[in-house]
């Protein structure tokens, strides 16, 4: 478990200015503390926080409609877990942004995409996913 935690923290330190990688890293650190059995998956060849975040971005691009995409916390964590091949478990508390519940419903941030597939602007609901989508 220590080697997995060290690897996560090392990549988080290298990517300290990337809020999306930080959010994924914090989630996986909490998961690792709760479930040491996921440690080998986090050490798998070719797997990284940057790669996990890229999967979230790919999911958002694939599911955009009319230039907008929405990725809830629970969906983002499902994508991350699938990437690493670990059992899905949404975090109880996402420390990097607002709570995932607003008025009893899951909320998020809609991202407007430009014609080239890049990020154009945000339309905020109760949850700031900018940290998760990293300026997509």
N, C-alpha and C. Protein backbone atom coordinates (compact mmCIF):
# COMPACT_ATOMS: atom_id res chain seq x y z
N UNK A 1 0.82 -1.19 0.00
CA UNK A 1 0.00 0.00 0.00
C UNK A 1 0.87 1.26 0.00
N UNK A 2 1.99 1.23 0.72
CA UNK A 2 2.85 2.41 0.80
C UNK A 2 3.40 2.80 -0.56
N UNK A 3 3.78 1.80 -1.36
CA UNK A 3 4.31 2.09 -2.69
C UNK A 3 3.25 2.75 -3.57
N UNK A 4 2.00 2.27 -3.47
CA UNK A 4 0.91 2.86 -4.25
C UNK A 4 0.64 4.30 -3.80
N UNK A 5 0.61 4.51 -2.50
CA UNK A 5 0.38 5.85 -1.98
C UNK A 5 1.51 6.79 -2.40
N UNK A 6 2.74 6.31 -2.34
CA UNK A 6 3.88 7.12 -2.75
C UNK A 6 3.77 7.50 -4.23
N UNK A 7 3.36 6.53 -5.05
CA UNK A 7 3.23 6.80 -6.49
C UNK A 7 2.16 7.86 -6.74
N UNK A 8 1.02 7.75 -6.06
CA UNK A 8 -0.04 8.75 -6.21
C UNK A 8 0.47 10.13 -5.79
N UNK A 9 1.09 10.18 -4.63
CA UNK A 9 1.56 11.47 -4.10
C UNK A 9 2.65 12.08 -4.97
N UNK A 10 3.53 11.23 -5.53
CA UNK A 10 4.58 11.73 -6.41
C UNK A 10 3.98 12.38 -7.66
N UNK A 11 3.00 11.71 -8.27
CA UNK A 11 2.39 12.28 -9.47
C UNK A 11 1.60 13.54 -9.12
N UNK A 12 0.94 13.53 -7.97
CA UNK A 12 0.22 14.74 -7.55
C UNK A 12 1.19 15.90 -7.36
N UNK A 13 2.35 15.63 -6.80
CA UNK A 13 3.35 16.68 -6.60
C UNK A 13 3.85 17.22 -7.94
N UNK A 14 4.09 16.32 -8.91
CA UNK A 14 4.55 16.75 -10.23
C UNK A 14 3.49 17.55 -10.96
N UNK A 15 2.23 17.22 -10.73
CA UNK A 15 1.11 17.88 -11.42
C UNK A 15 0.38 18.82 -10.46
N UNK A 16 1.10 19.47 -9.57
CA UNK A 16 0.50 20.31 -8.52
C UNK A 16 -0.39 21.42 -9.06
N UNK A 17 -0.17 21.84 -10.31
CA UNK A 17 -0.97 22.93 -10.87
C UNK A 17 -2.14 22.43 -11.72
N UNK A 18 -2.45 21.15 -11.66
CA UNK A 18 -3.54 20.57 -12.45
C UNK A 18 -4.64 20.10 -11.50
N UNK A 19 -5.70 20.90 -11.34
CA UNK A 19 -6.74 20.56 -10.36
C UNK A 19 -7.46 19.24 -10.64
N UNK A 20 -7.59 18.86 -11.90
CA UNK A 20 -8.25 17.60 -12.23
C UNK A 20 -7.44 16.40 -11.74
N UNK A 21 -6.14 16.43 -11.97
CA UNK A 21 -5.27 15.36 -11.50
C UNK A 21 -5.27 15.32 -9.98
N UNK A 22 -5.28 16.50 -9.35
CA UNK A 22 -5.32 16.57 -7.88
C UNK A 22 -6.60 15.91 -7.35
N UNK A 23 -7.75 16.21 -7.98
CA UNK A 23 -9.02 15.64 -7.53
C UNK A 23 -9.02 14.12 -7.65
N UNK A 24 -8.52 13.61 -8.76
CA UNK A 24 -8.45 12.15 -8.95
C UNK A 24 -7.49 11.54 -7.94
N UNK A 25 -6.34 12.18 -7.73
CA UNK A 25 -5.37 11.69 -6.76
C UNK A 25 -5.91 11.65 -5.34
N UNK A 26 -6.61 12.71 -4.95
CA UNK A 26 -7.18 12.75 -3.61
C UNK A 26 -8.22 11.65 -3.43
N UNK A 27 -9.05 11.45 -4.44
CA UNK A 27 -10.05 10.38 -4.39
C UNK A 27 -9.37 9.02 -4.22
N UNK A 28 -8.35 8.76 -5.03
CA UNK A 28 -7.69 7.45 -4.96
C UNK A 28 -6.92 7.27 -3.65
N UNK A 29 -6.35 8.33 -3.11
CA UNK A 29 -5.68 8.23 -1.80
C UNK A 29 -6.68 7.82 -0.73
N UNK A 30 -7.87 8.44 -0.75
CA UNK A 30 -8.91 8.07 0.23
C UNK A 30 -9.35 6.62 0.02
N UNK A 31 -9.52 6.23 -1.23
CA UNK A 31 -9.93 4.85 -1.51
C UNK A 31 -8.87 3.87 -1.02
N UNK A 32 -7.61 4.19 -1.25
CA UNK A 32 -6.51 3.32 -0.84
C UNK A 32 -6.45 3.20 0.67
N UNK A 33 -6.69 4.29 1.38
CA UNK A 33 -6.71 4.24 2.84
C UNK A 33 -7.83 3.34 3.36
N UNK A 34 -8.95 3.32 2.64
CA UNK A 34 -10.11 2.50 3.04
C UNK A 34 -10.01 1.06 2.56
N UNK A 35 -9.27 0.84 1.47
CA UNK A 35 -9.24 -0.49 0.85
C UNK A 35 -7.86 -0.75 0.26
N UNK A 36 -6.98 -1.32 1.06
CA UNK A 36 -5.60 -1.59 0.62
C UNK A 36 -5.53 -2.59 -0.53
N UNK A 37 -6.61 -3.33 -0.78
CA UNK A 37 -6.60 -4.32 -1.86
C UNK A 37 -6.54 -3.70 -3.25
N UNK A 38 -6.80 -2.40 -3.37
CA UNK A 38 -6.72 -1.76 -4.68
C UNK A 38 -5.29 -1.35 -5.03
N UNK A 39 -4.36 -1.49 -4.09
CA UNK A 39 -2.98 -1.04 -4.30
C UNK A 39 -2.34 -1.60 -5.57
N UNK A 40 -2.46 -2.90 -5.87
CA UNK A 40 -1.82 -3.40 -7.09
C UNK A 40 -2.36 -2.75 -8.37
N UNK A 41 -3.64 -2.43 -8.41
CA UNK A 41 -4.22 -1.79 -9.59
C UNK A 41 -3.62 -0.41 -9.83
N UNK A 42 -3.29 0.28 -8.73
CA UNK A 42 -2.72 1.62 -8.85
C UNK A 42 -1.27 1.59 -9.32
N UNK A 43 -0.63 0.43 -9.19
CA UNK A 43 0.76 0.27 -9.62
C UNK A 43 0.87 -0.37 -11.01
N UNK A 44 -0.26 -0.66 -11.63
CA UNK A 44 -0.25 -1.35 -12.93
C UNK A 44 0.53 -0.55 -13.97
N UNK A 45 1.23 -1.28 -14.81
CA UNK A 45 2.01 -0.69 -15.90
C UNK A 45 1.12 0.20 -16.77
N UNK A 46 1.59 1.41 -17.04
CA UNK A 46 0.88 2.31 -17.94
C UNK A 46 -0.27 3.08 -17.32
N UNK A 47 -0.55 2.87 -16.04
CA UNK A 47 -1.66 3.58 -15.38
C UNK A 47 -1.10 4.77 -14.61
N UNK A 48 -1.82 5.89 -14.68
CA UNK A 48 -1.38 7.11 -14.00
C UNK A 48 -2.59 7.99 -13.71
N UNK A 49 -2.40 8.94 -12.83
CA UNK A 49 -3.46 9.92 -12.55
C UNK A 49 -3.76 10.74 -13.80
N UNK A 50 -2.72 11.08 -14.54
CA UNK A 50 -2.91 11.83 -15.78
C UNK A 50 -3.73 11.02 -16.77
N UNK A 51 -3.46 9.73 -16.85
CA UNK A 51 -4.23 8.85 -17.73
C UNK A 51 -5.67 8.71 -17.29
N UNK A 52 -5.88 8.62 -15.98
CA UNK A 52 -7.25 8.53 -15.45
C UNK A 52 -8.02 9.80 -15.76
N UNK A 53 -7.38 10.95 -15.58
CA UNK A 53 -8.05 12.21 -15.89
C UNK A 53 -8.34 12.31 -17.38
N UNK A 54 -7.43 11.83 -18.22
CA UNK A 54 -7.65 11.84 -19.67
C UNK A 54 -8.88 11.01 -20.03
N UNK A 55 -9.12 9.94 -19.28
CA UNK A 55 -10.31 9.12 -19.52
C UNK A 55 -11.59 9.89 -19.19
N UNK A 56 -11.55 10.70 -18.15
CA UNK A 56 -12.72 11.53 -17.81
C UNK A 56 -12.97 12.54 -18.94
N UNK A 57 -11.91 13.16 -19.42
CA UNK A 57 -12.06 14.11 -20.52
C UNK A 57 -12.60 13.42 -21.77
N UNK A 58 -12.11 12.23 -22.06
CA UNK A 58 -12.59 11.48 -23.22
C UNK A 58 -14.07 11.14 -23.07
N UNK A 59 -14.47 10.76 -21.87
CA UNK A 59 -15.88 10.46 -21.61
C UNK A 59 -16.73 11.71 -21.87
N UNK A 60 -16.26 12.84 -21.38
CA UNK A 60 -17.01 14.09 -21.56
C UNK A 60 -17.13 14.44 -23.04
N UNK A 61 -16.06 14.31 -23.77
CA UNK A 61 -16.11 14.61 -25.21
C UNK A 61 -17.04 13.65 -25.95
N UNK A 62 -16.97 12.38 -25.59
CA UNK A 62 -17.81 11.37 -26.25
C UNK A 62 -19.29 11.61 -25.99
N UNK A 63 -19.63 12.11 -24.81
CA UNK A 63 -21.02 12.27 -24.42
C UNK A 63 -21.53 13.72 -24.56
N UNK A 64 -20.76 14.57 -25.23
CA UNK A 64 -21.24 15.93 -25.42
C UNK A 64 -22.39 15.95 -26.42
N UNK A 65 -23.27 16.90 -26.24
CA UNK A 65 -24.39 17.07 -27.14
C UNK A 65 -24.58 18.57 -27.34
N UNK A 66 -24.65 18.96 -28.59
CA UNK A 66 -24.80 20.38 -28.92
C UNK A 66 -23.71 21.22 -28.26
N UNK A 67 -22.51 20.70 -28.24
CA UNK A 67 -21.38 21.44 -27.70
C UNK A 67 -21.32 21.51 -26.19
N UNK A 68 -22.14 20.72 -25.48
CA UNK A 68 -22.17 20.74 -24.02
C UNK A 68 -21.88 19.33 -23.51
N UNK A 69 -21.23 19.27 -22.36
CA UNK A 69 -21.03 17.98 -21.72
C UNK A 69 -21.28 18.13 -20.23
N UNK A 70 -21.66 17.05 -19.60
CA UNK A 70 -21.91 17.04 -18.17
C UNK A 70 -21.30 15.76 -17.61
N UNK A 71 -20.49 15.89 -16.61
CA UNK A 71 -19.92 14.72 -15.94
C UNK A 71 -20.14 14.91 -14.44
N UNK A 72 -20.99 14.07 -13.87
CA UNK A 72 -21.23 14.15 -12.43
C UNK A 72 -20.05 13.53 -11.69
N UNK A 73 -19.95 13.82 -10.41
CA UNK A 73 -18.89 13.20 -9.60
C UNK A 73 -18.96 11.68 -9.70
N UNK A 74 -20.16 11.12 -9.52
CA UNK A 74 -20.27 9.66 -9.51
C UNK A 74 -19.84 9.07 -10.84
N UNK A 75 -20.16 9.72 -11.94
CA UNK A 75 -19.73 9.23 -13.25
C UNK A 75 -18.22 9.33 -13.39
N UNK A 76 -17.66 10.45 -12.95
CA UNK A 76 -16.20 10.61 -13.03
C UNK A 76 -15.50 9.51 -12.25
N UNK A 77 -16.01 9.20 -11.05
CA UNK A 77 -15.37 8.16 -10.25
C UNK A 77 -15.55 6.79 -10.89
N UNK A 78 -16.69 6.55 -11.54
CA UNK A 78 -16.88 5.29 -12.27
C UNK A 78 -15.84 5.16 -13.38
N UNK A 79 -15.61 6.24 -14.10
CA UNK A 79 -14.62 6.24 -15.18
C UNK A 79 -13.23 5.95 -14.63
N UNK A 80 -12.88 6.61 -13.52
CA UNK A 80 -11.56 6.39 -12.90
C UNK A 80 -11.42 4.94 -12.45
N UNK A 81 -12.44 4.42 -11.80
CA UNK A 81 -12.38 3.03 -11.32
C UNK A 81 -12.26 2.06 -12.49
N UNK A 82 -13.02 2.30 -13.55
CA UNK A 82 -12.93 1.44 -14.73
C UNK A 82 -11.52 1.49 -15.33
N UNK A 83 -10.94 2.67 -15.40
CA UNK A 83 -9.59 2.84 -15.93
C UNK A 83 -8.59 1.99 -15.16
N UNK A 84 -8.70 1.99 -13.84
CA UNK A 84 -7.77 1.23 -13.00
C UNK A 84 -8.21 -0.22 -12.79
N UNK A 85 -9.44 -0.55 -13.19
CA UNK A 85 -9.93 -1.92 -13.00
C UNK A 85 -10.26 -2.23 -11.55
N UNK A 86 -10.75 -1.22 -10.81
CA UNK A 86 -11.11 -1.43 -9.41
C UNK A 86 -12.62 -1.28 -9.25
N UNK A 87 -13.14 -1.82 -8.17
CA UNK A 87 -14.56 -1.74 -7.88
C UNK A 87 -14.97 -0.29 -7.70
N UNK A 88 -16.09 0.06 -8.30
CA UNK A 88 -16.57 1.44 -8.21
C UNK A 88 -17.10 1.73 -6.82
N UNK A 89 -16.72 2.88 -6.31
CA UNK A 89 -17.22 3.35 -5.03
C UNK A 89 -17.08 4.86 -5.02
N UNK A 90 -18.21 5.56 -5.07
CA UNK A 90 -18.16 7.01 -5.07
C UNK A 90 -17.66 7.51 -3.72
N UNK A 91 -16.89 8.57 -3.70
CA UNK A 91 -16.39 9.10 -2.43
C UNK A 91 -17.53 9.67 -1.60
N UNK A 92 -17.40 9.54 -0.28
CA UNK A 92 -18.41 10.12 0.60
C UNK A 92 -18.34 11.64 0.57
N UNK A 93 -17.15 12.17 0.42
CA UNK A 93 -16.99 13.62 0.41
C UNK A 93 -15.91 13.99 -0.60
N UNK A 94 -16.22 14.82 -1.53
CA UNK A 94 -15.24 15.30 -2.48
C UNK A 94 -14.67 16.60 -1.92
N UNK A 95 -13.45 16.57 -1.46
CA UNK A 95 -12.87 17.71 -0.76
C UNK A 95 -12.42 18.83 -1.69
N UNK A 96 -12.32 18.55 -2.98
CA UNK A 96 -11.78 19.56 -3.88
C UNK A 96 -12.83 20.49 -4.44
N UNK A 97 -14.11 20.24 -4.16
CA UNK A 97 -15.16 21.10 -4.67
C UNK A 97 -16.43 20.95 -3.86
N UNK A 98 -17.47 21.62 -4.29
CA UNK A 98 -18.72 21.65 -3.53
C UNK A 98 -19.34 20.27 -3.39
N UNK A 99 -20.24 20.08 -2.43
CA UNK A 99 -20.91 18.79 -2.25
C UNK A 99 -21.63 18.35 -3.52
N UNK A 100 -21.73 17.05 -3.71
CA UNK A 100 -22.35 16.50 -4.92
C UNK A 100 -23.86 16.52 -4.86
N UNK A 101 -24.44 17.02 -3.80
CA UNK A 101 -25.89 17.07 -3.69
C UNK A 101 -26.35 18.51 -3.59
N UNK A 102 -27.39 18.83 -4.30
CA UNK A 102 -28.00 20.16 -4.22
C UNK A 102 -29.50 19.97 -4.32
N UNK A 103 -30.22 20.39 -3.33
CA UNK A 103 -31.67 20.24 -3.31
C UNK A 103 -32.08 18.79 -3.52
N UNK A 104 -31.32 17.86 -2.95
CA UNK A 104 -31.65 16.44 -3.04
C UNK A 104 -31.29 15.78 -4.35
N UNK A 105 -30.70 16.53 -5.30
CA UNK A 105 -30.33 15.96 -6.59
C UNK A 105 -28.84 16.14 -6.80
N UNK A 106 -28.27 15.26 -7.60
CA UNK A 106 -26.87 15.42 -7.95
C UNK A 106 -26.76 16.61 -8.90
N UNK A 107 -25.74 17.40 -8.73
CA UNK A 107 -25.57 18.58 -9.56
C UNK A 107 -24.20 18.57 -10.18
N UNK A 108 -23.95 19.46 -11.12
CA UNK A 108 -22.65 19.49 -11.75
C UNK A 108 -22.44 20.76 -12.53
N UNK A 109 -21.47 20.74 -13.39
CA UNK A 109 -21.11 21.90 -14.19
C UNK A 109 -21.25 21.51 -15.65
N UNK A 110 -21.97 22.30 -16.42
CA UNK A 110 -22.07 22.08 -17.86
C UNK A 110 -20.92 22.82 -18.52
N UNK A 111 -20.27 22.16 -19.45
CA UNK A 111 -19.15 22.77 -20.15
C UNK A 111 -19.52 22.96 -21.61
N UNK A 112 -19.37 24.16 -22.08
CA UNK A 112 -19.61 24.47 -23.48
C UNK A 112 -18.33 24.16 -24.25
N UNK A 113 -18.46 23.47 -25.36
CA UNK A 113 -17.30 23.09 -26.16
C UNK A 113 -17.27 23.93 -27.42
N UNK A 114 -16.08 24.34 -27.87
CA UNK A 114 -15.99 25.06 -29.12
C UNK A 114 -15.93 24.07 -30.28
N UNK A 115 -15.93 24.56 -31.51
CA UNK A 115 -15.98 23.70 -32.69
C UNK A 115 -14.81 22.73 -32.77
N UNK A 116 -13.67 23.11 -32.21
CA UNK A 116 -12.49 22.25 -32.24
C UNK A 116 -12.50 21.22 -31.13
N UNK A 117 -13.56 21.20 -30.32
CA UNK A 117 -13.64 20.25 -29.22
C UNK A 117 -12.99 20.75 -27.96
N UNK A 118 -12.56 22.00 -27.96
CA UNK A 118 -11.94 22.58 -26.77
C UNK A 118 -12.97 23.23 -25.87
N UNK A 119 -12.53 23.61 -24.70
CA UNK A 119 -13.41 24.21 -23.70
C UNK A 119 -13.71 25.67 -24.06
N UNK A 120 -14.99 26.05 -24.02
CA UNK A 120 -15.36 27.43 -24.32
C UNK A 120 -15.81 28.18 -23.08
N UNK A 121 -16.75 27.63 -22.29
CA UNK A 121 -17.20 28.31 -21.08
C UNK A 121 -17.92 27.33 -20.16
N UNK A 122 -18.18 27.78 -18.95
CA UNK A 122 -18.88 26.99 -17.94
C UNK A 122 -20.28 27.55 -17.71
N UNK A 123 -21.23 26.67 -17.43
CA UNK A 123 -22.51 27.06 -16.87
C UNK A 123 -22.65 26.26 -15.60
N UNK A 124 -22.62 26.93 -14.44
CA UNK A 124 -22.54 26.23 -13.17
C UNK A 124 -23.90 25.85 -12.63
N UNK A 125 -23.97 24.64 -12.16
CA UNK A 125 -25.06 24.19 -11.31
C UNK A 125 -24.48 24.28 -9.90
N UNK A 126 -24.91 23.45 -9.00
CA UNK A 126 -24.45 23.55 -7.61
C UNK A 126 -23.03 23.03 -7.42
N UNK A 127 -22.49 22.30 -8.35
CA UNK A 127 -21.20 21.65 -8.18
C UNK A 127 -20.18 22.24 -9.15
N UNK A 128 -19.03 22.61 -8.67
CA UNK A 128 -17.97 23.16 -9.51
C UNK A 128 -17.10 22.02 -10.00
N UNK A 129 -17.32 21.57 -11.22
CA UNK A 129 -16.52 20.49 -11.78
C UNK A 129 -15.30 21.02 -12.53
N UNK A 130 -15.08 22.33 -12.48
CA UNK A 130 -13.91 22.88 -13.13
C UNK A 130 -12.64 22.21 -12.63
N UNK A 131 -12.62 21.94 -11.31
CA UNK A 131 -11.46 21.27 -10.73
C UNK A 131 -11.29 19.88 -11.33
N UNK A 132 -12.39 19.23 -11.62
CA UNK A 132 -12.32 17.87 -12.15
C UNK A 132 -12.02 17.86 -13.64
N UNK A 133 -12.62 18.76 -14.40
CA UNK A 133 -12.44 18.77 -15.85
C UNK A 133 -11.23 19.58 -16.27
N UNK A 134 -10.62 20.29 -15.36
CA UNK A 134 -9.35 20.96 -15.61
C UNK A 134 -9.31 21.90 -16.81
N UNK A 135 -10.33 22.72 -16.99
CA UNK A 135 -10.33 23.69 -18.07
C UNK A 135 -10.56 23.09 -19.42
N UNK A 136 -11.30 22.01 -19.45
CA UNK A 136 -11.60 21.36 -20.71
C UNK A 136 -12.22 22.28 -21.64
